[in-house]
Amino acid sequence: MKHRATGRHKHLQLDQAKLTRAKTVLGAKTETEAIERALALVVEERTLDQPLKQAKGRMQLRTVYR
């Protein structure tokens, strides 16, 4: 199920230092871009994590880089 991208105005109280760090880490040009990228990472992580949880030890993972 795909969701249509829609912009909505939100008024949030955020930790400015944390937002500034996220903006730097994510290489975002704006605070809005940093928030969008962070939200995308959370959703992507959930999408990747779900099949692993369903496997429940039926597979073996190995480190391929260090």
PDB file of N, CA and C in Angstrom:
ATOM      1  N   MET A   1       0.850  -1.177   0.000  1.00  0.00           N
ATOM      2  CA  MET A   1       0.000   0.000   0.000  1.00  0.00           C
ATOM      3  C   MET A   1       0.897   1.241   0.000  1.00  0.00           C
ATOM      4  N   LYS A   2       0.853   2.000  -1.067  1.00  0.00           N
ATOM      5  CA  LYS A   2       1.661   3.211  -1.169  1.00  0.00           C
ATOM      6  C   LYS A   2       0.861   4.404  -0.670  1.00  0.00           C
ATOM      7  N   HIS A   3       1.594   5.288  -0.024  1.00  0.00           N
ATOM      8  CA  HIS A   3       0.960   6.507   0.449  1.00  0.00           C
ATOM      9  C   HIS A   3       1.380   7.657  -0.446  1.00  0.00           C
ATOM     10  N   ARG A   4       0.451   8.488  -0.744  1.00  0.00           N
ATOM     11  CA  ARG A   4       0.712   9.659  -1.566  1.00  0.00           C
ATOM     12  C   ARG A   4       1.424  10.709  -0.715  1.00  0.00           C
ATOM     13  N   ALA A   5       2.460  11.295  -1.267  1.00  0.00           N
ATOM     14  CA  ALA A   5       3.199  12.332  -0.535  1.00  0.00           C
ATOM     15  C   ALA A   5       2.371  13.612  -0.510  1.00  0.00           C
ATOM     16  N   THR A   6       2.057  14.041   0.673  1.00  0.00           N
ATOM     17  CA  THR A   6       1.315  15.292   0.820  1.00  0.00           C
ATOM     18  C   THR A   6       2.003  16.144   1.882  1.00  0.00           C
ATOM     19  N   GLY A   7       2.095  17.413   1.604  1.00  0.00           N
ATOM     20  CA  GLY A   7       2.698  18.327   2.567  1.00  0.00           C
ATOM     21  C   GLY A   7       1.624  18.897   3.481  1.00  0.00           C
ATOM     22  N   ARG A   8       1.906  18.899   4.758  1.00  0.00           N
ATOM     23  CA  ARG A   8       0.979  19.479   5.727  1.00  0.00           C
ATOM     24  C   ARG A   8       1.786  20.318   6.692  1.00  0.00           C
ATOM     25  N   HIS A   9       1.229  21.388   7.118  1.00  0.00           N
ATOM     26  CA  HIS A   9       1.905  22.239   8.087  1.00  0.00           C
ATOM     27  C   HIS A   9       1.746  21.627   9.471  1.00  0.00           C
ATOM     28  N   LYS A  10       2.859  21.460  10.147  1.00  0.00           N
ATOM     29  CA  LYS A  10       2.877  20.931  11.505  1.00  0.00           C
ATOM     30  C   LYS A  10       3.660  21.900  12.377  1.00  0.00           C
ATOM     31  N   HIS A  11       3.205  22.073  13.565  1.00  0.00           N
ATOM     32  CA  HIS A  11       3.903  22.920  14.522  1.00  0.00           C
ATOM     33  C   HIS A  11       4.395  22.020  15.646  1.00  0.00           C
ATOM     34  N   LEU A  12       5.708  21.837  15.693  1.00  0.00           N
ATOM     35  CA  LEU A  12       6.302  20.909  16.639  1.00  0.00           C
ATOM     36  C   LEU A  12       7.331  21.616  17.507  1.00  0.00           C
ATOM     37  N   GLN A  13       7.473  21.143  18.713  1.00  0.00           N
ATOM     38  CA  GLN A  13       8.546  21.618  19.578  1.00  0.00           C
ATOM     39  C   GLN A  13       9.613  20.540  19.570  1.00  0.00           C
ATOM     40  N   LEU A  14      10.771  20.875  18.987  1.00  0.00           N
ATOM     41  CA  LEU A  14      11.851  19.908  18.833  1.00  0.00           C
ATOM     42  C   LEU A  14      13.109  20.404  19.528  1.00  0.00           C
ATOM     43  N   ASP A  15      13.935  19.470  19.924  1.00  0.00           N
ATOM     44  CA  ASP A  15      15.231  19.777  20.509  1.00  0.00           C
ATOM     45  C   ASP A  15      16.120  20.329  19.393  1.00  0.00           C
ATOM     46  N   GLN A  16      16.466  21.603  19.459  1.00  0.00           N
ATOM     47  CA  GLN A  16      17.216  22.245  18.381  1.00  0.00           C
ATOM     48  C   GLN A  16      18.591  21.628  18.191  1.00  0.00           C
ATOM     49  N   ALA A  17      19.262  21.295  19.277  1.00  0.00           N
ATOM     50  CA  ALA A  17      20.596  20.695  19.156  1.00  0.00           C
ATOM     51  C   ALA A  17      20.512  19.350  18.444  1.00  0.00           C
ATOM     52  N   LYS A  18      19.502  18.558  18.774  1.00  0.00           N
ATOM     53  CA  LYS A  18      19.331  17.247  18.147  1.00  0.00           C
ATOM     54  C   LYS A  18      18.993  17.410  16.666  1.00  0.00           C
ATOM     55  N   LEU A  19      18.160  18.376  16.343  1.00  0.00           N
ATOM     56  CA  LEU A  19      17.792  18.630  14.952  1.00  0.00           C
ATOM     57  C   LEU A  19      19.013  19.095  14.148  1.00  0.00           C
ATOM     58  N   THR A  20      19.824  19.928  14.737  1.00  0.00           N
ATOM     59  CA  THR A  20      21.038  20.404  14.070  1.00  0.00           C
ATOM     60  C   THR A  20      22.004  19.252  13.820  1.00  0.00           C
ATOM     61  N   ARG A  21      22.162  18.366  14.815  1.00  0.00           N
ATOM     62  CA  ARG A  21      23.036  17.194  14.637  1.00  0.00           C
ATOM     63  C   ARG A  21      22.498  16.279  13.551  1.00  0.00           C
ATOM     64  N   ALA A  22      21.190  16.044  13.546  1.00  0.00           N
ATOM     65  CA  ALA A  22      20.580  15.183  12.522  1.00  0.00           C
ATOM     66  C   ALA A  22      20.783  15.787  11.138  1.00  0.00           C
ATOM     67  N   LYS A  23      20.629  17.082  11.038  1.00  0.00           N
ATOM     68  CA  LYS A  23      20.820  17.774   9.757  1.00  0.00           C
ATOM     69  C   LYS A  23      22.242  17.558   9.251  1.00  0.00           C
ATOM     70  N   THR A  24      23.220  17.646  10.135  1.00  0.00           N
ATOM     71  CA  THR A  24      24.620  17.440   9.766  1.00  0.00           C
ATOM     72  C   THR A  24      24.874  15.989   9.375  1.00  0.00           C
ATOM     73  N   VAL A  25      24.426  15.062  10.200  1.00  0.00           N
ATOM     74  CA  VAL A  25      24.654  13.637   9.952  1.00  0.00           C
ATOM     75  C   VAL A  25      24.013  13.196   8.641  1.00  0.00           C
ATOM     76  N   LEU A  26      22.825  13.686   8.370  1.00  0.00           N
ATOM     77  CA  LEU A  26      22.093  13.285   7.169  1.00  0.00           C
ATOM     78  C   LEU A  26      22.496  14.088   5.935  1.00  0.00           C
ATOM     79  N   GLY A  27      23.305  15.116   6.120  1.00  0.00           N
ATOM     80  CA  GLY A  27      23.731  15.940   4.984  1.00  0.00           C
ATOM     81  C   GLY A  27      22.587  16.728   4.376  1.00  0.00           C
ATOM     82  N   ALA A  28      21.630  17.091   5.207  1.00  0.00           N
ATOM     83  CA  ALA A  28      20.460  17.835   4.729  1.00  0.00           C
ATOM     84  C   ALA A  28      20.766  19.322   4.672  1.00  0.00           C
ATOM     85  N   LYS A  29      20.151  19.991   3.714  1.00  0.00           N
ATOM     86  CA  LYS A  29      20.347  21.434   3.567  1.00  0.00           C
ATOM     87  C   LYS A  29      19.403  22.227   4.475  1.00  0.00           C
ATOM     88  N   THR A  30      18.234  21.659   4.751  1.00  0.00           N
ATOM     89  CA  THR A  30      17.253  22.351   5.577  1.00  0.00           C
ATOM     90  C   THR A  30      16.803  21.451   6.722  1.00  0.00           C
ATOM     91  N   GLU A  31      16.195  22.046   7.723  1.00  0.00           N
ATOM     92  CA  GLU A  31      15.666  21.272   8.844  1.00  0.00           C
ATOM     93  C   GLU A  31      14.531  20.364   8.379  1.00  0.00           C
ATOM     94  N   THR A  32      13.716  20.854   7.465  1.00  0.00           N
ATOM     95  CA  THR A  32      12.616  20.035   6.937  1.00  0.00           C
ATOM     96  C   THR A  32      13.170  18.809   6.223  1.00  0.00           C
ATOM     97  N   GLU A  33      14.209  18.997   5.433  1.00  0.00           N
ATOM     98  CA  GLU A  33      14.829  17.873   4.732  1.00  0.00           C
ATOM     99  C   GLU A  33      15.397  16.864   5.731  1.00  0.00           C
ATOM    100  N   ALA A  34      15.991  17.356   6.813  1.00  0.00           N
ATOM    101  CA  ALA A  34      16.539  16.461   7.840  1.00  0.00           C
ATOM    102  C   ALA A  34      15.429  15.620   8.469  1.00  0.00           C
ATOM    103  N   ILE A  35      14.318  16.242   8.768  1.00  0.00           N
ATOM    104  CA  ILE A  35      13.191  15.511   9.366  1.00  0.00           C
ATOM    105  C   ILE A  35      12.637  14.495   8.375  1.00  0.00           C
ATOM    106  N   GLU A  36      12.490  14.883   7.119  1.00  0.00           N
ATOM    107  CA  GLU A  36      11.985  13.969   6.094  1.00  0.00           C
ATOM    108  C   GLU A  36      12.912  12.764   5.932  1.00  0.00           C
ATOM    109  N   ARG A  37      14.216  13.015   5.888  1.00  0.00           N
ATOM    110  CA  ARG A  37      15.171  11.919   5.735  1.00  0.00           C
ATOM    111  C   ARG A  37      15.146  10.991   6.950  1.00  0.00           C
ATOM    112  N   ALA A  38      15.066  11.565   8.130  1.00  0.00           N
ATOM    113  CA  ALA A  38      15.021  10.754   9.344  1.00  0.00           C
ATOM    114  C   ALA A  38      13.763   9.883   9.371  1.00  0.00           C
ATOM    115  N   LEU A  39      12.640  10.448   8.989  1.00  0.00           N
ATOM    116  CA  LEU A  39      11.396   9.666   8.938  1.00  0.00           C
ATOM    117  C   LEU A  39      11.499   8.552   7.900  1.00  0.00           C
ATOM    118  N   ALA A  40      12.102   8.843   6.761  1.00  0.00           N
ATOM    119  CA  ALA A  40      12.279   7.826   5.719  1.00  0.00           C
ATOM    120  C   ALA A  40      13.155   6.685   6.223  1.00  0.00           C
ATOM    121  N   LEU A  41      14.192   7.002   6.988  1.00  0.00           N
ATOM    122  CA  LEU A  41      15.063   5.965   7.546  1.00  0.00           C
ATOM    123  C   LEU A  41      14.313   5.071   8.525  1.00  0.00           C
ATOM    124  N   VAL A  42      13.469   5.657   9.337  1.00  0.00           N
ATOM    125  CA  VAL A  42      12.679   4.882  10.303  1.00  0.00           C
ATOM    126  C   VAL A  42      11.752   3.926   9.579  1.00  0.00           C
ATOM    127  N   VAL A  43      11.077   4.413   8.555  1.00  0.00           N
ATOM    128  CA  VAL A  43      10.147   3.572   7.794  1.00  0.00           C
ATOM    129  C   VAL A  43      10.901   2.464   7.066  1.00  0.00           C
ATOM    130  N   GLU A  44      12.049   2.806   6.471  1.00  0.00           N
ATOM    131  CA  GLU A  44      12.852   1.814   5.752  1.00  0.00           C
ATOM    132  C   GLU A  44      13.369   0.736   6.706  1.00  0.00           C
ATOM    133  N   GLU A  45      13.806   1.160   7.886  1.00  0.00           N
ATOM    134  CA  GLU A  45      14.305   0.198   8.866  1.00  0.00           C
ATOM    135  C   GLU A  45      13.210  -0.782   9.267  1.00  0.00           C
ATOM    136  N   ARG A  46      12.019  -0.271   9.457  1.00  0.00           N
ATOM    137  CA  ARG A  46      10.882  -1.133   9.814  1.00  0.00           C
ATOM    138  C   ARG A  46      10.596  -2.131   8.683  1.00  0.00           C
ATOM    139  N   THR A  47      10.659  -1.657   7.450  1.00  0.00           N
ATOM    140  CA  THR A  47      10.406  -2.512   6.292  1.00  0.00           C
ATOM    141  C   THR A  47      11.437  -3.632   6.205  1.00  0.00           C
ATOM    142  N   LEU A  48      12.691  -3.329   6.524  1.00  0.00           N
ATOM    143  CA  LEU A  48      13.748  -4.333   6.478  1.00  0.00           C
ATOM    144  C   LEU A  48      13.713  -5.256   7.699  1.00  0.00           C
ATOM    145  N   ASP A  49      13.311  -4.715   8.831  1.00  0.00           N
ATOM    146  CA  ASP A  49      13.324  -5.461  10.086  1.00  0.00           C
ATOM    147  C   ASP A  49      12.192  -6.485  10.178  1.00  0.00           C
ATOM    148  N   GLN A  50      11.075  -6.188   9.575  1.00  0.00           N
ATOM    149  CA  GLN A  50       9.896  -7.053   9.674  1.00  0.00           C
ATOM    150  C   GLN A  50      10.162  -8.483   9.178  1.00  0.00           C
ATOM    151  N   PRO A  51      10.729  -8.694   7.988  1.00  0.00           N
ATOM    152  CA  PRO A  51      10.999 -10.073   7.543  1.00  0.00           C
ATOM    153  C   PRO A  51      11.992 -10.795   8.445  1.00  0.00           C
ATOM    154  N   LEU A  52      12.959 -10.058   9.012  1.00  0.00           N
ATOM    155  CA  LEU A  52      13.919 -10.691   9.909  1.00  0.00           C
ATOM    156  C   LEU A  52      13.234 -11.194  11.175  1.00  0.00           C
ATOM    157  N   LYS A  53      12.311 -10.431  11.693  1.00  0.00           N
ATOM    158  CA  LYS A  53      11.571 -10.861  12.882  1.00  0.00           C
ATOM    159  C   LYS A  53      10.700 -12.073  12.575  1.00  0.00           C
ATOM    160  N   GLN A  54      10.132 -12.109  11.381  1.00  0.00           N
ATOM    161  CA  GLN A  54       9.279 -13.237  11.000  1.00  0.00           C
ATOM    162  C   GLN A  54      10.096 -14.512  10.830  1.00  0.00           C
ATOM    163  N   ALA A  55      11.367 -14.382  10.442  1.00  0.00           N
ATOM    164  CA  ALA A  55      12.222 -15.553  10.255  1.00  0.00           C
ATOM    165  C   ALA A  55      12.528 -16.231  11.596  1.00  0.00           C
ATOM    166  N   LYS A  56      12.585 -15.482  12.669  1.00  0.00           N
ATOM    167  CA  LYS A  56      12.784 -15.986  14.032  1.00  0.00           C
ATOM    168  C   LYS A  56      13.838 -17.083  14.135  1.00  0.00           C
ATOM    169  N   GLY A  57      15.055 -16.767  13.722  1.00  0.00           N
ATOM    170  CA  GLY A  57      16.153 -17.701  13.897  1.00  0.00           C
ATOM    171  C   GLY A  57      16.248 -18.801  12.861  1.00  0.00           C
ATOM    172  N   ARG A  58      15.431 -18.776  11.846  1.00  0.00           N
ATOM    173  CA  ARG A  58      15.496 -19.804  10.806  1.00  0.00           C
ATOM    174  C   ARG A  58      16.577 -19.514   9.788  1.00  0.00           C
ATOM    175  N   MET A  59      17.329 -18.447  10.020  1.00  0.00           N
ATOM    176  CA  MET A  59      18.410 -18.120   9.112  1.00  0.00           C
ATOM    177  C   MET A  59      19.604 -17.659   9.929  1.00  0.00           C
ATOM    178  N   GLN A  60      20.745 -17.648   9.310  1.00  0.00           N
ATOM    179  CA  GLN A  60      21.962 -17.258   9.996  1.00  0.00           C
ATOM    180  C   GLN A  60      22.545 -16.032   9.314  1.00  0.00           C
ATOM    181  N   LEU A  61      22.863 -15.010  10.106  1.00  0.00           N
ATOM    182  CA  LEU A  61      23.441 -13.781   9.572  1.00  0.00           C
ATOM    183  C   LEU A  61      24.939 -13.789   9.834  1.00  0.00           C
ATOM    184  N   ARG A  62      25.696 -13.208   8.923  1.00  0.00           N
ATOM    185  CA  ARG A  62      27.134 -13.091   9.136  1.00  0.00           C
ATOM    186  C   ARG A  62      27.569 -11.678   8.768  1.00  0.00           C
ATOM    187  N   THR A  63      28.600 -11.216   9.411  1.00  0.00           N
ATOM    188  CA  THR A  63      29.154  -9.894   9.154  1.00  0.00           C
ATOM    189  C   THR A  63      29.943  -9.946   7.854  1.00  0.00           C
ATOM    190  N   VAL A  64      29.642  -9.036   6.943  1.00  0.00           N
ATOM    191  CA  VAL A  64      30.337  -9.022   5.651  1.00  0.00           C
ATOM    192  C   VAL A  64      31.284  -7.840   5.534  1.00  0.00           C
ATOM    193  N   TYR A  65      31.297  -6.967   6.508  1.00  0.00           N
ATOM    194  CA  TYR A  65      32.232  -5.843   6.516  1.00  0.00           C
ATOM    195  C   TYR A  65      32.507  -5.468   7.962  1.00  0.00           C
ATOM    196  N   ARG A  66      33.561  -4.758   8.158  1.00  0.00           N
ATOM    197  CA  ARG A  66      33.891  -4.249   9.507  1.00  0.00           C
ATOM    198  C   ARG A  66      34.436  -2.870   9.394  1.00  0.00           C
TER     199      ARG A  66
END
